[in-house]
Full PDB file with SEQRES, HELIX, SHEET, SSBOND, CRYST1, ORIGX, SCALE, CONECT and MASTER records, all heavy atoms in Angstrom:
SEQRES   1 A   42  THR ALA ARG LEU VAL PHE GLY ARG ALA GLU PRO TRP GLU          
SEQRES   2 A   42  VAL LEU GLN GLY ALA LEU ARG ASP THR GLU LEU ARG GLN          
SEQRES   3 A   42  ARG LEU LEU ILE PRO VAL ARG GLN ALA MET GLY GLU HIS          
SEQRES   4 A   42  ARG GLU ALA                                                  
HELIX    1 AA1 ALA A    2  PHE A    6  1                                   5    
HELIX    2 AA2 GLU A   13  GLN A   16  5                                   4    
HELIX    3 AA3 THR A   22  GLU A   38  1                                  17    
CRYST1    1.000    1.000    1.000  90.00  90.00  90.00 P 1           1          
ORIGX1      1.000000  0.000000  0.000000        0.00000                         
ORIGX2      0.000000  1.000000  0.000000        0.00000                         
ORIGX3      0.000000  0.000000  1.000000        0.00000                         
SCALE1      1.000000  0.000000  0.000000        0.00000                         
SCALE2      0.000000  1.000000  0.000000        0.00000                         
SCALE3      0.000000  0.000000  1.000000        0.00000                         
ATOM      1  N   THR A   1      -4.987 -13.089  -9.408  1.00  0.00           N  
ATOM      2  CA  THR A   1      -5.902 -13.993  -8.701  1.00  0.00           C  
ATOM      3  C   THR A   1      -6.346 -13.361  -7.392  1.00  0.00           C  
ATOM      4  O   THR A   1      -7.547 -13.302  -7.092  1.00  0.00           O  
ATOM      5  CB  THR A   1      -5.237 -15.361  -8.432  1.00  0.00           C  
ATOM      6  OG1 THR A   1      -4.929 -15.990  -9.682  1.00  0.00           O  
ATOM      7  CG2 THR A   1      -6.133 -16.263  -7.613  1.00  0.00           C  
ATOM      8  N   ALA A   2      -5.399 -12.887  -6.607  1.00  0.00           N  
ATOM      9  CA  ALA A   2      -5.718 -12.279  -5.306  1.00  0.00           C  
ATOM     10  C   ALA A   2      -6.659 -11.096  -5.463  1.00  0.00           C  
ATOM     11  O   ALA A   2      -7.631 -10.957  -4.712  1.00  0.00           O  
ATOM     12  CB  ALA A   2      -4.436 -11.856  -4.604  1.00  0.00           C  
ATOM     13  N   ARG A   3      -6.384 -10.255  -6.424  1.00  0.00           N  
ATOM     14  CA  ARG A   3      -7.219  -9.051  -6.621  1.00  0.00           C  
ATOM     15  C   ARG A   3      -8.620  -9.415  -7.101  1.00  0.00           C  
ATOM     16  O   ARG A   3      -9.594  -8.785  -6.688  1.00  0.00           O  
ATOM     17  CB  ARG A   3      -6.532  -8.104  -7.587  1.00  0.00           C  
ATOM     18  CG  ARG A   3      -5.287  -7.474  -6.969  1.00  0.00           C  
ATOM     19  CD  ARG A   3      -4.520  -6.621  -7.963  1.00  0.00           C  
ATOM     20  NE  ARG A   3      -3.316  -6.086  -7.331  1.00  0.00           N  
ATOM     21  CZ  ARG A   3      -2.132  -6.042  -7.913  1.00  0.00           C  
ATOM     22  NH1 ARG A   3      -1.973  -6.479  -9.160  1.00  0.00           N  
ATOM     23  NH2 ARG A   3      -1.094  -5.542  -7.275  1.00  0.00           N  
ATOM     24  N   LEU A   4      -8.732 -10.431  -7.961  1.00  0.00           N  
ATOM     25  CA  LEU A   4     -10.051 -10.839  -8.433  1.00  0.00           C  
ATOM     26  C   LEU A   4     -10.855 -11.540  -7.340  1.00  0.00           C  
ATOM     27  O   LEU A   4     -12.070 -11.395  -7.276  1.00  0.00           O  
ATOM     28  CB  LEU A   4      -9.921 -11.747  -9.653  1.00  0.00           C  
ATOM     29  CG  LEU A   4      -9.500 -11.037 -10.946  1.00  0.00           C  
ATOM     30  CD1 LEU A   4      -9.054 -12.044 -11.996  1.00  0.00           C  
ATOM     31  CD2 LEU A   4     -10.644 -10.176 -11.463  1.00  0.00           C  
ATOM     32  N   VAL A   5     -10.186 -12.291  -6.476  1.00  0.00           N  
ATOM     33  CA  VAL A   5     -10.888 -13.014  -5.410  1.00  0.00           C  
ATOM     34  C   VAL A   5     -11.193 -12.093  -4.231  1.00  0.00           C  
ATOM     35  O   VAL A   5     -12.326 -12.039  -3.751  1.00  0.00           O  
ATOM     36  CB  VAL A   5     -10.065 -14.230  -4.927  1.00  0.00           C  
ATOM     37  CG1 VAL A   5     -10.756 -14.917  -3.742  1.00  0.00           C  
ATOM     38  CG2 VAL A   5      -9.849 -15.233  -6.044  1.00  0.00           C  
ATOM     39  N   PHE A   6     -10.185 -11.350  -3.774  1.00  0.00           N  
ATOM     40  CA  PHE A   6     -10.307 -10.600  -2.519  1.00  0.00           C  
ATOM     41  C   PHE A   6     -10.294  -9.080  -2.680  1.00  0.00           C  
ATOM     42  O   PHE A   6     -10.465  -8.360  -1.708  1.00  0.00           O  
ATOM     43  CB  PHE A   6      -9.177 -11.009  -1.561  1.00  0.00           C  
ATOM     44  CG  PHE A   6      -9.152 -12.485  -1.298  1.00  0.00           C  
ATOM     45  CD1 PHE A   6      -8.153 -13.291  -1.833  1.00  0.00           C  
ATOM     46  CD2 PHE A   6     -10.139 -13.089  -0.535  1.00  0.00           C  
ATOM     47  CE1 PHE A   6      -8.131 -14.658  -1.607  1.00  0.00           C  
ATOM     48  CE2 PHE A   6     -10.132 -14.460  -0.306  1.00  0.00           C  
ATOM     49  CZ  PHE A   6      -9.124 -15.241  -0.846  1.00  0.00           C  
ATOM     50  N   GLY A   7     -10.036  -8.607  -3.893  1.00  0.00           N  
ATOM     51  CA  GLY A   7     -10.049  -7.170  -4.134  1.00  0.00           C  
ATOM     52  C   GLY A   7      -8.753  -6.451  -3.789  1.00  0.00           C  
ATOM     53  O   GLY A   7      -8.658  -5.244  -3.951  1.00  0.00           O  
ATOM     54  N   ARG A   8      -7.757  -7.191  -3.326  1.00  0.00           N  
ATOM     55  CA  ARG A   8      -6.496  -6.571  -2.930  1.00  0.00           C  
ATOM     56  C   ARG A   8      -5.407  -7.628  -2.816  1.00  0.00           C  
ATOM     57  O   ARG A   8      -5.705  -8.814  -2.712  1.00  0.00           O  
ATOM     58  CB  ARG A   8      -6.637  -5.821  -1.614  1.00  0.00           C  
ATOM     59  CG  ARG A   8      -6.941  -6.738  -0.436  1.00  0.00           C  
ATOM     60  CD  ARG A   8      -7.300  -5.927   0.817  1.00  0.00           C  
ATOM     61  NE  ARG A   8      -7.386  -6.728   2.007  1.00  0.00           N  
ATOM     62  CZ  ARG A   8      -8.356  -7.557   2.323  1.00  0.00           C  
ATOM     63  NH1 ARG A   8      -9.372  -7.722   1.502  1.00  0.00           N  
ATOM     64  NH2 ARG A   8      -8.341  -8.220   3.447  1.00  0.00           N  
ATOM     65  N   ALA A   9      -4.165  -7.159  -2.802  1.00  0.00           N  
ATOM     66  CA  ALA A   9      -3.023  -8.062  -2.639  1.00  0.00           C  
ATOM     67  C   ALA A   9      -1.788  -7.264  -2.261  1.00  0.00           C  
ATOM     68  O   ALA A   9      -1.578  -6.168  -2.765  1.00  0.00           O  
ATOM     69  CB  ALA A   9      -2.756  -8.824  -3.926  1.00  0.00           C  
ATOM     70  N   GLU A  10      -1.000  -7.819  -1.353  1.00  0.00           N  
ATOM     71  CA  GLU A  10       0.313  -7.269  -1.015  1.00  0.00           C  
ATOM     72  C   GLU A  10       1.356  -8.224  -1.571  1.00  0.00           C  
ATOM     73  O   GLU A  10       1.395  -9.385  -1.164  1.00  0.00           O  
ATOM     74  CB  GLU A  10       0.505  -7.209   0.506  1.00  0.00           C  
ATOM     75  CG  GLU A  10      -0.396  -6.284   1.251  1.00  0.00           C  
ATOM     76  CD  GLU A  10      -0.161  -6.417   2.751  1.00  0.00           C  
ATOM     77  OE1 GLU A  10       1.013  -6.297   3.201  1.00  0.00           O  
ATOM     78  OE2 GLU A  10      -1.144  -6.665   3.471  1.00  0.00           O  
ATOM     79  N   PRO A  11       2.190  -7.775  -2.515  1.00  0.00           N  
ATOM     80  CA  PRO A  11       3.230  -8.670  -3.026  1.00  0.00           C  
ATOM     81  C   PRO A  11       4.218  -9.046  -1.923  1.00  0.00           C  
ATOM     82  O   PRO A  11       4.625  -8.195  -1.131  1.00  0.00           O  
ATOM     83  CB  PRO A  11       3.932  -7.843  -4.106  1.00  0.00           C  
ATOM     84  CG  PRO A  11       3.129  -6.614  -4.296  1.00  0.00           C  
ATOM     85  CD  PRO A  11       2.236  -6.461  -3.115  1.00  0.00           C  
ATOM     86  N   TRP A  12       4.563 -10.305  -1.859  1.00  0.00           N  
ATOM     87  CA  TRP A  12       5.548 -10.799  -0.896  1.00  0.00           C  
ATOM     88  C   TRP A  12       6.459 -11.761  -1.647  1.00  0.00           C  
ATOM     89  O   TRP A  12       6.052 -12.863  -2.014  1.00  0.00           O  
ATOM     90  CB  TRP A  12       4.854 -11.484   0.277  1.00  0.00           C  
ATOM     91  CG  TRP A  12       5.733 -11.738   1.456  1.00  0.00           C  
ATOM     92  CD1 TRP A  12       6.918 -11.112   1.776  1.00  0.00           C  
ATOM     93  CD2 TRP A  12       5.498 -12.683   2.507  1.00  0.00           C  
ATOM     94  NE1 TRP A  12       7.421 -11.604   2.956  1.00  0.00           N  
ATOM     95  CE2 TRP A  12       6.573 -12.570   3.432  1.00  0.00           C  
ATOM     96  CE3 TRP A  12       4.501 -13.604   2.756  1.00  0.00           C  
ATOM     97  CZ2 TRP A  12       6.668 -13.355   4.571  1.00  0.00           C  
ATOM     98  CZ3 TRP A  12       4.582 -14.379   3.900  1.00  0.00           C  
ATOM     99  CH2 TRP A  12       5.653 -14.251   4.804  1.00  0.00           C  
ATOM    100  N   GLU A  13       7.652 -11.322  -1.877  1.00  0.00           N  
ATOM    101  CA  GLU A  13       8.609 -12.030  -2.729  1.00  0.00           C  
ATOM    102  C   GLU A  13       8.792 -13.501  -2.355  1.00  0.00           C  
ATOM    103  O   GLU A  13       8.930 -14.355  -3.221  1.00  0.00           O  
ATOM    104  CB  GLU A  13       9.956 -11.304  -2.701  1.00  0.00           C  
ATOM    105  CG  GLU A  13      10.908 -11.872  -3.691  1.00  0.00           C  
ATOM    106  CD  GLU A  13      11.509 -10.832  -4.606  1.00  0.00           C  
ATOM    107  OE1 GLU A  13      10.959  -9.739  -4.727  1.00  0.00           O  
ATOM    108  OE2 GLU A  13      12.525 -11.160  -5.198  1.00  0.00           O  
ATOM    109  N   VAL A  14       8.791 -13.826  -1.080  1.00  0.00           N  
ATOM    110  CA  VAL A  14       9.071 -15.203  -0.669  1.00  0.00           C  
ATOM    111  C   VAL A  14       8.017 -16.189  -1.156  1.00  0.00           C  
ATOM    112  O   VAL A  14       8.289 -17.388  -1.253  1.00  0.00           O  
ATOM    113  CB  VAL A  14       9.258 -15.327   0.869  1.00  0.00           C  
ATOM    114  CG1 VAL A  14      10.456 -14.516   1.326  1.00  0.00           C  
ATOM    115  CG2 VAL A  14       7.999 -14.921   1.612  1.00  0.00           C  
ATOM    116  N   LEU A  15       6.827 -15.703  -1.504  1.00  0.00           N  
ATOM    117  CA  LEU A  15       5.764 -16.595  -1.967  1.00  0.00           C  
ATOM    118  C   LEU A  15       5.941 -17.051  -3.411  1.00  0.00           C  
ATOM    119  O   LEU A  15       5.189 -17.894  -3.891  1.00  0.00           O  
ATOM    120  CB  LEU A  15       4.395 -15.942  -1.794  1.00  0.00           C  
ATOM    121  CG  LEU A  15       3.897 -15.873  -0.349  1.00  0.00           C  
ATOM    122  CD1 LEU A  15       2.612 -15.069  -0.267  1.00  0.00           C  
ATOM    123  CD2 LEU A  15       3.722 -17.264   0.235  1.00  0.00           C  
ATOM    124  N   GLN A  16       6.949 -16.527  -4.114  1.00  0.00           N  
ATOM    125  CA  GLN A  16       7.153 -17.002  -5.488  1.00  0.00           C  
ATOM    126  C   GLN A  16       7.944 -18.298  -5.527  1.00  0.00           C  
ATOM    127  O   GLN A  16       7.988 -18.975  -6.539  1.00  0.00           O  
ATOM    128  CB  GLN A  16       7.783 -15.928  -6.357  1.00  0.00           C  
ATOM    129  CG  GLN A  16       9.211 -15.608  -6.085  1.00  0.00           C  
ATOM    130  CD  GLN A  16       9.732 -14.570  -7.061  1.00  0.00           C  
ATOM    131  OE1 GLN A  16       9.437 -14.619  -8.247  1.00  0.00           O  
ATOM    132  NE2 GLN A  16      10.494 -13.637  -6.551  1.00  0.00           N  
ATOM    133  N   GLY A  17       8.558 -18.686  -4.412  1.00  0.00           N  
ATOM    134  CA  GLY A  17       9.273 -19.947  -4.372  1.00  0.00           C  
ATOM    135  C   GLY A  17      10.519 -19.938  -5.236  1.00  0.00           C  
ATOM    136  O   GLY A  17      10.920 -18.902  -5.767  1.00  0.00           O  
ATOM    137  N   ALA A  18      11.135 -21.100  -5.367  1.00  0.00           N  
ATOM    138  CA  ALA A  18      12.346 -21.268  -6.180  1.00  0.00           C  
ATOM    139  C   ALA A  18      12.429 -22.724  -6.604  1.00  0.00           C  
ATOM    140  O   ALA A  18      13.012 -23.554  -5.918  1.00  0.00           O  
ATOM    141  CB  ALA A  18      13.580 -20.869  -5.382  1.00  0.00           C  
ATOM    142  N   LEU A  19      11.826 -23.037  -7.727  1.00  0.00           N  
ATOM    143  CA  LEU A  19      11.749 -24.426  -8.181  1.00  0.00           C  
ATOM    144  C   LEU A  19      13.107 -25.085  -8.397  1.00  0.00           C  
ATOM    145  O   LEU A  19      13.299 -26.241  -8.061  1.00  0.00           O  
ATOM    146  CB  LEU A  19      10.969 -24.499  -9.497  1.00  0.00           C  
ATOM    147  CG  LEU A  19       9.465 -24.577  -9.374  1.00  0.00           C  
ATOM    148  CD1 LEU A  19       8.826 -24.590 -10.746  1.00  0.00           C  
ATOM    149  CD2 LEU A  19       9.041 -25.801  -8.588  1.00  0.00           C  
ATOM    150  N   ARG A  20      14.026 -24.366  -8.964  1.00  0.00           N  
ATOM    151  CA  ARG A  20      15.277 -24.991  -9.397  1.00  0.00           C  
ATOM    152  C   ARG A  20      16.420 -24.850  -8.397  1.00  0.00           C  
ATOM    153  O   ARG A  20      17.542 -25.224  -8.692  1.00  0.00           O  
ATOM    154  CB  ARG A  20      15.674 -24.412 -10.749  1.00  0.00           C  
ATOM    155  CG  ARG A  20      14.676 -24.794 -11.827  1.00  0.00           C  
ATOM    156  CD  ARG A  20      15.006 -24.159 -13.166  1.00  0.00           C  
ATOM    157  NE  ARG A  20      14.016 -24.510 -14.153  1.00  0.00           N  
ATOM    158  CZ  ARG A  20      12.900 -23.820 -14.378  1.00  0.00           C  
ATOM    159  NH1 ARG A  20      12.625 -22.754 -13.668  1.00  0.00           N  
ATOM    160  NH2 ARG A  20      12.051 -24.203 -15.305  1.00  0.00           N  
ATOM    161  N   ASP A  21      16.159 -24.292  -7.243  1.00  0.00           N  
ATOM    162  CA  ASP A  21      17.208 -24.083  -6.237  1.00  0.00           C  
ATOM    163  C   ASP A  21      16.674 -24.576  -4.883  1.00  0.00           C  
ATOM    164  O   ASP A  21      15.991 -23.848  -4.175  1.00  0.00           O  
ATOM    165  CB  ASP A  21      17.589 -22.602  -6.172  1.00  0.00           C  
ATOM    166  CG  ASP A  21      18.746 -22.303  -5.241  1.00  0.00           C  
ATOM    167  OD1 ASP A  21      18.979 -23.082  -4.295  1.00  0.00           O  
ATOM    168  OD2 ASP A  21      19.403 -21.268  -5.449  1.00  0.00           O  
ATOM    169  N   THR A  22      16.980 -25.815  -4.553  1.00  0.00           N  
ATOM    170  CA  THR A  22      16.425 -26.450  -3.356  1.00  0.00           C  
ATOM    171  C   THR A  22      16.772 -25.694  -2.085  1.00  0.00           C  
ATOM    172  O   THR A  22      15.916 -25.514  -1.213  1.00  0.00           O  
ATOM    173  CB  THR A  22      16.926 -27.913  -3.244  1.00  0.00           C  
ATOM    174  OG1 THR A  22      16.600 -28.583  -4.459  1.00  0.00           O  
ATOM    175  CG2 THR A  22      16.277 -28.627  -2.083  1.00  0.00           C  
ATOM    176  N   GLU A  23      18.007 -25.238  -1.958  1.00  0.00           N  
ATOM    177  CA  GLU A  23      18.415 -24.513  -0.747  1.00  0.00           C  
ATOM    178  C   GLU A  23      17.646 -23.202  -0.612  1.00  0.00           C  
ATOM    179  O   GLU A  23      17.122 -22.891   0.460  1.00  0.00           O  
ATOM    180  CB  GLU A  23      19.923 -24.241  -0.798  1.00  0.00           C  
ATOM    181  CG  GLU A  23      20.448 -23.596   0.483  1.00  0.00           C  
ATOM    182  CD  GLU A  23      21.942 -23.336   0.402  1.00  0.00           C  
ATOM    183  OE1 GLU A  23      22.674 -24.228  -0.069  1.00  0.00           O  
ATOM    184  OE2 GLU A  23      22.364 -22.242   0.820  1.00  0.00           O  
ATOM    185  N   LEU A  24      17.553 -22.435  -1.690  1.00  0.00           N  
ATOM    186  CA  LEU A  24      16.794 -21.178  -1.663  1.00  0.00           C  
ATOM    187  C   LEU A  24      15.313 -21.459  -1.388  1.00  0.00           C  
ATOM    188  O   LEU A  24      14.673 -20.745  -0.614  1.00  0.00           O  
ATOM    189  CB  LEU A  24      16.959 -20.425  -2.985  1.00  0.00           C  
ATOM    190  CG  LEU A  24      16.134 -19.144  -3.134  1.00  0.00           C  
ATOM    191  CD1 LEU A  24      16.472 -18.139  -2.032  1.00  0.00           C  
ATOM    192  CD2 LEU A  24      16.364 -18.538  -4.517  1.00  0.00           C  
ATOM    193  N   ARG A  25      14.792 -22.484  -2.005  1.00  0.00           N  
ATOM    194  CA  ARG A  25      13.383 -22.861  -1.820  1.00  0.00           C  
ATOM    195  C   ARG A  25      13.079 -23.078  -0.344  1.00  0.00           C  
ATOM    196  O   ARG A  25      12.075 -22.580   0.179  1.00  0.00           O  
ATOM    197  CB  ARG A  25      13.104 -24.123  -2.627  1.00  0.00           C  
ATOM    198  CG  ARG A  25      11.684 -24.583  -2.626  1.00  0.00           C  
ATOM    199  CD  ARG A  25      11.533 -25.730  -3.599  1.00  0.00           C  
ATOM    200  NE  ARG A  25      10.224 -26.329  -3.533  1.00  0.00           N  
ATOM    201  CZ  ARG A  25       9.762 -27.171  -4.426  1.00  0.00           C  
ATOM    202  NH1 ARG A  25      10.480 -27.489  -5.477  1.00  0.00           N  
ATOM    203  NH2 ARG A  25       8.554 -27.692  -4.281  1.00  0.00           N  
ATOM    204  N   GLN A  26      13.933 -23.796   0.355  1.00  0.00           N  
ATOM    205  CA  GLN A  26      13.735 -24.057   1.786  1.00  0.00           C  
ATOM    206  C   GLN A  26      13.886 -22.782   2.615  1.00  0.00           C  
ATOM    207  O   GLN A  26      13.146 -22.566   3.566  1.00  0.00           O  
ATOM    208  CB  GLN A  26      14.698 -25.145   2.269  1.00  0.00           C  
ATOM    209  CG  GLN A  26      14.407 -26.522   1.669  1.00  0.00           C  
ATOM    210  CD  GLN A  26      12.954 -26.940   1.851  1.00  0.00           C  
ATOM    211  OE1 GLN A  26      12.406 -26.903   2.941  1.00  0.00           O  
ATOM    212  NE2 GLN A  26      12.309 -27.333   0.759  1.00  0.00           N  
ATOM    213  N   ARG A  27      14.843 -21.938   2.249  1.00  0.00           N  
ATOM    214  CA  ARG A  27      15.038 -20.668   2.970  1.00  0.00           C  
ATOM    215  C   ARG A  27      13.832 -19.750   2.827  1.00  0.00           C  
ATOM    216  O   ARG A  27      13.446 -19.076   3.775  1.00  0.00           O  
ATOM    217  CB  ARG A  27      16.296 -19.948   2.448  1.00  0.00           C  
ATOM    218  CG  ARG A  27      17.511 -20.170   3.275  1.00  0.00           C  
ATOM    219  CD  ARG A  27      18.666 -19.205   3.002  1.00  0.00           C  
ATOM    220  NE  ARG A  27      18.717 -18.563   1.711  1.00  0.00           N  
ATOM    221  CZ  ARG A  27      19.421 -18.986   0.657  1.00  0.00           C  
ATOM    222  NH1 ARG A  27      20.156 -20.086   0.746  1.00  0.00           N  
ATOM    223  NH2 ARG A  27      19.408 -18.322  -0.478  1.00  0.00           N  
ATOM    224  N   LEU A  28      13.239 -19.720   1.635  1.00  0.00           N  
ATOM    225  CA  LEU A  28      12.079 -18.858   1.401  1.00  0.00           C  
ATOM    226  C   LEU A  28      10.862 -19.303   2.213  1.00  0.00           C  
ATOM    227  O   LEU A  28       9.997 -18.488   2.535  1.00  0.00           O  
ATOM    228  CB  LEU A  28      11.726 -18.834  -0.089  1.00  0.00           C  
ATOM    229  CG  LEU A  28      12.726 -18.138  -1.007  1.00  0.00           C  
ATOM    230  CD1 LEU A  28      12.329 -18.320  -2.464  1.00  0.00           C  
ATOM    231  CD2 LEU A  28      12.861 -16.663  -0.657  1.00  0.00           C  
ATOM    232  N   LEU A  29      10.797 -20.574   2.534  1.00  0.00           N  
ATOM    233  CA  LEU A  29       9.652 -21.081   3.305  1.00  0.00           C  
ATOM    234  C   LEU A  29       9.703 -20.664   4.774  1.00  0.00           C  
ATOM    235  O   LEU A  29       8.661 -20.617   5.441  1.00  0.00           O  
ATOM    236  CB  LEU A  29       9.589 -22.608   3.216  1.00  0.00           C  
ATOM    237  CG  LEU A  29       9.237 -23.178   1.854  1.00  0.00           C  
ATOM    238  CD1 LEU A  29       9.405 -24.682   1.857  1.00  0.00           C  
ATOM    239  CD2 LEU A  29       7.824 -22.781   1.446  1.00  0.00           C  
ATOM    240  N   ILE A  30      10.878 -20.346   5.279  1.00  0.00           N  
ATOM    241  CA  ILE A  30      11.019 -20.011   6.700  1.00  0.00           C  
ATOM    242  C   ILE A  30      10.146 -18.827   7.099  1.00  0.00           C  
ATOM    243  O   ILE A  30       9.350 -18.938   8.045  1.00  0.00           O  
ATOM    244  CB  ILE A  30      12.511 -19.800   7.073  1.00  0.00           C  
ATOM    245  CG1 ILE A  30      13.268 -21.127   6.934  1.00  0.00           C  
ATOM    246  CG2 ILE A  30      12.650 -19.230   8.488  1.00  0.00           C  
ATOM    247  CD1 ILE A  30      14.779 -20.991   7.006  1.00  0.00           C  
ATOM    248  N   PRO A  31      10.223 -17.663   6.417  1.00  0.00           N  
ATOM    249  CA  PRO A  31       9.358 -16.548   6.836  1.00  0.00           C  
ATOM    250  C   PRO A  31       7.876 -16.820   6.605  1.00  0.00           C  
ATOM    251  O   PRO A  31       7.022 -16.307   7.348  1.00  0.00           O  
ATOM    252  CB  PRO A  31       9.854 -15.366   6.007  1.00  0.00           C  
ATOM    253  CG  PRO A  31      10.617 -15.945   4.877  1.00  0.00           C  
ATOM    254  CD  PRO A  31      11.134 -17.272   5.337  1.00  0.00           C  
ATOM    255  N   VAL A  32       7.562 -17.641   5.611  1.00  0.00           N  
ATOM    256  CA  VAL A  32       6.150 -17.971   5.357  1.00  0.00           C  
ATOM    257  C   VAL A  32       5.610 -18.816   6.503  1.00  0.00           C  
ATOM    258  O   VAL A  32       4.539 -18.527   7.053  1.00  0.00           O  
ATOM    259  CB  VAL A  32       5.979 -18.689   4.003  1.00  0.00           C  
ATOM    260  CG1 VAL A  32       4.513 -19.035   3.773  1.00  0.00           C  
ATOM    261  CG2 VAL A  32       6.529 -17.850   2.859  1.00  0.00           C  
ATOM    262  N   ARG A  33       6.357 -19.833   6.881  1.00  0.00           N  
ATOM    263  CA  ARG A  33       5.919 -20.672   8.016  1.00  0.00           C  
ATOM    264  C   ARG A  33       5.845 -19.858   9.305  1.00  0.00           C  
ATOM    265  O   ARG A  33       4.965 -20.074  10.137  1.00  0.00           O  
ATOM    266  CB  ARG A  33       6.862 -21.867   8.169  1.00  0.00           C  
ATOM    267  CG  ARG A  33       6.664 -22.906   7.084  1.00  0.00           C  
ATOM    268  CD  ARG A  33       7.484 -24.162   7.356  1.00  0.00           C  
ATOM    269  NE  ARG A  33       7.185 -25.174   6.374  1.00  0.00           N  
ATOM    270  CZ  ARG A  33       8.080 -25.730   5.559  1.00  0.00           C  
ATOM    271  NH1 ARG A  33       9.351 -25.387   5.624  1.00  0.00           N  
ATOM    272  NH2 ARG A  33       7.706 -26.648   4.695  1.00  0.00           N  
ATOM    273  N   GLN A  34       6.770 -18.942   9.465  1.00  0.00           N  
ATOM    274  CA  GLN A  34       6.755 -18.087  10.651  1.00  0.00           C  
ATOM    275  C   GLN A  34       5.494 -17.223  10.671  1.00  0.00           C  
ATOM    276  O   GLN A  34       4.820 -17.115  11.691  1.00  0.00           O  
ATOM    277  CB  GLN A  34       8.000 -17.209  10.689  1.00  0.00           C  
ATOM    278  CG  GLN A  34       8.088 -16.352  11.928  1.00  0.00           C  
ATOM    279  CD  GLN A  34       9.386 -15.541  11.966  1.00  0.00           C  
ATOM    280  OE1 GLN A  34      10.283 -15.707  11.141  1.00  0.00           O  
ATOM    281  NE2 GLN A  34       9.483 -14.660  12.944  1.00  0.00           N  
ATOM    282  N   ALA A  35       5.153 -16.617   9.537  1.00  0.00           N  
ATOM    283  CA  ALA A  35       3.942 -15.799   9.458  1.00  0.00           C  
ATOM    284  C   ALA A  35       2.694 -16.630   9.737  1.00  0.00           C  
ATOM    285  O   ALA A  35       1.782 -16.181  10.446  1.00  0.00           O  
ATOM    286  CB  ALA A  35       3.837 -15.149   8.077  1.00  0.00           C  
ATOM    287  N   MET A  36       2.660 -17.851   9.208  1.00  0.00           N  
ATOM    288  CA  MET A  36       1.519 -18.735   9.456  1.00  0.00           C  
ATOM    289  C   MET A  36       1.430 -19.090  10.943  1.00  0.00           C  
ATOM    290  O   MET A  36       0.348 -19.072  11.528  1.00  0.00           O  
ATOM    291  CB  MET A  36       1.645 -20.006   8.615  1.00  0.00           C  
ATOM    292  CG  MET A  36       1.481 -19.774   7.133  1.00  0.00           C  
ATOM    293  SD  MET A  36       1.939 -21.198   6.099  1.00  0.00           S  
ATOM    294  CE  MET A  36       0.893 -22.485   6.722  1.00  0.00           C  
ATOM    295  N   GLY A  37       2.555 -19.414  11.545  1.00  0.00           N  
ATOM    296  CA  GLY A  37       2.579 -19.808  12.951  1.00  0.00           C  
ATOM    297  C   GLY A  37       2.235 -18.679  13.900  1.00  0.00           C  
ATOM    298  O   GLY A  37       1.663 -18.898  14.965  1.00  0.00           O  
ATOM    299  N   GLU A  38       2.576 -17.456  13.525  1.00  0.00           N  
ATOM    300  CA  GLU A  38       2.311 -16.292  14.382  1.00  0.00           C  
ATOM    301  C   GLU A  38       0.913 -15.719  14.187  1.00  0.00           C  
ATOM    302  O   GLU A  38       0.462 -14.910  14.991  1.00  0.00           O  
ATOM    303  CB  GLU A  38       3.348 -15.200  14.109  1.00  0.00           C  
ATOM    304  CG  GLU A  38       4.740 -15.579  14.560  1.00  0.00           C  
ATOM    305  CD  GLU A  38       5.793 -14.557  14.147  1.00  0.00           C  
ATOM    306  OE1 GLU A  38       5.478 -13.596  13.396  1.00  0.00           O  
ATOM    307  OE2 GLU A  38       6.949 -14.723  14.582  1.00  0.00           O  
ATOM    308  N   HIS A  39       0.228 -16.120  13.127  1.00  0.00           N  
ATOM    309  CA  HIS A  39      -1.083 -15.544  12.825  1.00  0.00           C  
ATOM    310  C   HIS A  39      -2.127 -16.019  13.845  1.00  0.00           C  
ATOM    311  O   HIS A  39      -2.392 -17.211  13.963  1.00  0.00           O  
ATOM    312  CB  HIS A  39      -1.523 -15.930  11.415  1.00  0.00           C  
ATOM    313  CG  HIS A  39      -2.855 -15.369  11.061  1.00  0.00           C  
ATOM    314  ND1 HIS A  39      -3.072 -14.027  10.875  1.00  0.00           N  
ATOM    315  CD2 HIS A  39      -4.052 -15.976  10.896  1.00  0.00           C  
ATOM    316  CE1 HIS A  39      -4.341 -13.824  10.597  1.00  0.00           C  
ATOM    317  NE2 HIS A  39      -4.964 -15.002  10.605  1.00  0.00           N  
ATOM    318  N   ARG A  40      -2.685 -15.071  14.554  1.00  0.00           N  
ATOM    319  CA  ARG A  40      -3.706 -15.391  15.560  1.00  0.00           C  
ATOM    320  C   ARG A  40      -4.940 -14.500  15.438  1.00  0.00           C  
ATOM    321  O   ARG A  40      -5.828 -14.551  16.269  1.00  0.00           O  
ATOM    322  CB  ARG A  40      -3.107 -15.265  16.962  1.00  0.00           C  
ATOM    323  CG  ARG A  40      -2.127 -16.391  17.262  1.00  0.00           C  
ATOM    324  CD  ARG A  40      -1.477 -16.233  18.615  1.00  0.00           C  
ATOM    325  NE  ARG A  40      -0.720 -17.383  19.033  1.00  0.00           N  
ATOM    326  CZ  ARG A  40       0.338 -17.903  18.426  1.00  0.00           C  
ATOM    327  NH1 ARG A  40       0.759 -17.394  17.300  1.00  0.00           N  
ATOM    328  NH2 ARG A  40       0.968 -18.946  18.906  1.00  0.00           N  
ATOM    329  N   GLU A  41      -4.963 -13.663  14.440  1.00  0.00           N  
ATOM    330  CA  GLU A  41      -6.068 -12.724  14.277  1.00  0.00           C  
ATOM    331  C   GLU A  41      -7.365 -13.454  13.954  1.00  0.00           C  
ATOM    332  O   GLU A  41      -7.362 -14.591  13.502  1.00  0.00           O  
ATOM    333  CB  GLU A  41      -5.729 -11.724  13.174  1.00  0.00           C  
ATOM    334  CG  GLU A  41      -4.543 -10.844  13.535  1.00  0.00           C  
ATOM    335  CD  GLU A  41      -4.122  -9.947  12.398  1.00  0.00           C  
ATOM    336  OE1 GLU A  41      -4.965  -9.628  11.533  1.00  0.00           O  
ATOM    337  OE2 GLU A  41      -2.942  -9.575  12.376  1.00  0.00           O  
ATOM    338  N   ALA A  42      -8.472 -12.750  14.174  1.00  0.00           N  
ATOM    339  CA  ALA A  42      -9.785 -13.334  13.931  1.00  0.00           C  
ATOM    340  C   ALA A  42     -10.021 -13.615  12.454  1.00  0.00           C  
ATOM    341  O   ALA A  42     -10.628 -14.627  12.102  1.00  0.00           O  
ATOM    342  CB  ALA A  42     -10.871 -12.413  14.467  1.00  0.00           C  
TER     343      ALA A  42                                                      
MASTER        0    0    0    3    0    0    0    6  342    1    0    4          
END                                                                             
């Protein structure tokens, strides 16, 4: 999807989530939320 829409993609393991493991699922969201919160580029 990423390559067809934007022409490129960097795999990032935390974005695959963890449906069946609630604790892991919440832990994986931490770096994603951090990246979103720190993003200030144009």
